[in-house]
Protein backbone atom coordinates (compact mmCIF):
# COMPACT_ATOMS: atom_id res chain seq x y z
CA MET A 1 93.84 -159.11 115.48
CA SER A 2 91.91 -162.02 113.99
CA ARG A 3 88.29 -161.86 112.90
CA THR A 4 85.59 -163.94 114.55
CA ARG A 5 84.09 -166.47 112.12
CA THR A 6 80.31 -166.27 112.42
CA PRO A 7 77.72 -168.19 110.36
CA VAL A 8 75.35 -165.92 108.45
CA VAL A 9 72.51 -168.14 109.70
CA ASP A 10 73.20 -170.24 112.78
CA GLY A 11 72.41 -173.94 112.46
CA TRP A 12 72.19 -174.15 108.66
CA PHE A 13 75.66 -175.68 108.17
CA THR A 14 78.49 -177.18 110.16
CA GLY A 15 82.09 -178.32 109.84
CA ASP A 16 84.95 -177.21 107.66
CA GLY A 17 86.84 -178.61 104.68
CA GLU A 18 85.78 -182.17 103.82
CA ASP A 19 83.54 -182.23 106.91
CA PHE A 20 81.50 -179.20 105.78
CA ARG A 21 77.79 -180.04 105.43
CA LEU A 22 74.48 -178.24 105.09
CA LEU A 23 72.04 -179.27 107.83
CA GLY A 24 68.44 -180.16 107.13
CA THR A 25 65.67 -181.98 108.94
CA ARG A 26 63.97 -185.28 108.13
CA CYS A 27 60.43 -186.20 109.18
CA SER A 28 60.21 -189.61 110.85
CA ALA A 29 56.65 -190.17 109.55
CA CYS A 30 57.03 -189.47 105.82
CA GLY A 31 60.80 -189.25 105.31
CA SER A 32 60.63 -185.77 103.74
CA VAL A 33 63.83 -183.73 104.05
CA PHE A 34 63.79 -179.95 104.38
CA PHE A 35 66.33 -177.19 103.89
CA PRO A 36 66.45 -174.75 105.45
CA ARG A 37 65.89 -176.68 108.65
CA GLU A 38 62.44 -177.01 110.09
CA ASP A 39 62.03 -177.38 113.84
CA ALA A 40 58.28 -176.93 114.31
CA PHE A 41 56.37 -179.28 111.98
CA CYS A 42 56.61 -181.35 108.80
CA ARG A 43 56.01 -179.11 105.76
CA ASN A 44 54.76 -182.02 103.65
CA PRO A 45 51.01 -181.28 103.26
CA GLY A 46 50.25 -185.00 102.95
CA CYS A 47 51.92 -185.91 106.23
CA ARG A 48 50.19 -185.98 109.62
CA GLY A 49 53.54 -185.12 111.18
CA GLY A 50 56.30 -186.92 112.94
CA GLU A 51 59.44 -186.23 114.88
CA LEU A 52 61.89 -183.98 113.05
CA ALA A 53 65.55 -184.94 113.26
CA GLU A 54 68.55 -182.94 112.13
CA VAL A 55 70.36 -184.58 109.21
CA PRO A 56 73.50 -183.62 107.31
CA LEU A 57 72.71 -183.22 103.62
CA SER A 58 74.64 -184.71 100.71
CA ARG A 59 77.83 -182.86 99.84
CA HIS A 60 77.39 -183.47 96.11
CA GLY A 61 74.54 -182.69 93.75
CA ARG A 62 73.81 -181.71 90.17
CA VAL A 63 73.10 -178.26 88.74
CA TRP A 64 69.34 -178.03 88.29
CA SER A 65 69.37 -174.39 87.14
CA TYR A 66 71.58 -171.31 87.38
CA THR A 67 71.65 -167.57 86.76
CA ASP A 68 73.81 -164.61 87.62
CA SER A 69 73.27 -161.70 89.94
CA GLN A 70 73.97 -158.57 87.92
CA TYR A 71 72.59 -156.13 90.49
CA ARG A 72 73.45 -155.09 94.05
CA PRO A 73 70.69 -156.46 96.29
CA PRO A 74 68.88 -154.16 98.70
CA SER A 75 69.31 -154.08 102.46
CA PRO A 76 69.58 -156.13 104.68
CA TYR A 77 72.12 -157.80 102.34
CA VAL A 78 75.49 -156.35 103.32
CA THR A 79 77.84 -155.02 100.64
CA ASP A 80 80.56 -152.41 100.66
CA ARG A 81 78.92 -149.52 98.82
CA GLU A 82 82.38 -148.01 98.19
CA LEU A 83 83.32 -150.94 95.92
CA PRO A 84 81.78 -151.66 92.52
CA TRP A 85 79.28 -154.53 92.45
CA THR A 86 80.75 -157.82 91.22
CA PRO A 87 78.18 -160.17 89.67
CA HIS A 88 78.17 -163.75 90.96
CA ALA A 89 76.57 -166.98 89.80
CA LEU A 90 73.61 -168.43 91.69
CA ILE A 91 73.09 -172.18 91.42
CA ALA A 92 70.05 -174.33 92.20
CA VAL A 93 71.43 -177.78 93.05
CA GLU A 94 69.41 -180.99 93.12
CA LEU A 95 70.39 -183.34 95.94
CA GLU A 96 69.24 -186.67 94.53
CA SER A 97 69.09 -188.74 97.71
CA GLU A 98 67.17 -186.03 99.61
CA ARG A 99 64.97 -185.20 96.56
CA ILE A 100 65.31 -181.45 97.17
CA VAL A 101 66.82 -178.45 95.40
CA VAL A 102 69.08 -176.08 97.38
CA LEU A 103 70.01 -172.60 96.17
CA GLY A 104 73.40 -171.00 96.79
CA GLN A 105 76.19 -168.92 95.30
CA ALA A 106 78.94 -170.42 93.18
CA VAL A 107 82.46 -170.16 94.53
CA PRO A 108 84.19 -166.91 93.55
CA GLY A 109 85.59 -167.09 90.04
CA ILE A 110 82.88 -169.41 88.67
CA THR A 111 80.52 -167.66 86.26
CA VAL A 112 77.44 -168.82 84.36
CA ALA A 113 79.76 -169.48 81.40
CA ASP A 114 81.40 -172.24 83.49
CA LEU A 115 78.11 -173.99 84.39
CA THR A 116 75.83 -176.47 82.64
CA VAL A 117 72.62 -178.13 83.77
CA GLY A 118 73.45 -181.60 85.11
CA MET A 119 77.04 -180.70 86.07
CA GLU A 120 78.17 -182.21 89.38
CA VAL A 121 78.92 -179.71 92.15
CA GLU A 122 79.88 -179.95 95.80
CA VAL A 123 79.09 -177.75 98.77
CA VAL A 124 82.07 -175.97 100.32
CA PRO A 125 82.52 -173.35 103.06
CA GLY A 126 82.33 -169.78 101.84
CA VAL A 127 82.55 -166.18 102.99
CA LEU A 128 79.64 -163.82 102.42
CA HIS A 129 81.15 -160.68 103.96
CA GLU A 130 84.02 -159.50 106.14
CA ASP A 131 84.27 -156.43 108.30
CA ALA A 132 86.90 -155.31 110.79
CA ASP A 133 85.76 -157.80 113.47
CA THR A 134 83.83 -160.59 111.75
CA THR A 135 84.05 -163.01 108.85
CA TRP A 136 80.46 -163.93 107.97
CA THR A 137 80.48 -167.53 106.72
CA THR A 138 78.07 -169.28 104.37
CA TRP A 139 78.14 -172.09 101.78
CA HIS A 140 79.11 -172.05 98.12
CA TRP A 141 78.68 -174.56 95.32
CA ARG A 142 81.82 -175.59 93.43
CA PRO A 143 81.99 -177.71 90.27
CA THR A 144 83.74 -180.95 91.24
CA GLU A 145 86.37 -180.58 88.54
CA VAL A 146 87.52 -177.33 90.21
CA THR A 147 89.92 -177.80 93.12
CA ALA A 148 90.39 -175.53 96.13
């Protein structure tokens, strides 16, 4: 029996492989880009508001900051309490053309020892959790010199 692939948050990303992209919104009045997506109003306090359009975000960015998660997060984050906690790297990535910073996990196997500020990374599909019926999908950041 195969698992159903389900996004952790519907509408935040799309595609697979080279077509995988995070989805944001752009305000037609001021040009501001937002992630996560905004459907109600422009969050730029200096903007009177405009139409918001869905836009795919850049696949590549540069490490703005990073840290590691040494603790098991509380509920509603889902982890298998029977397994020991495995720390993972968290990366804040600057998308230059959008002028925003997007947070996400590094791909499995990448630790803070592998990262430097300014390093180029790319967004790739990832798995947050699997159970008997569902593979919960998300995004990960991968240094561009690391191949799949």
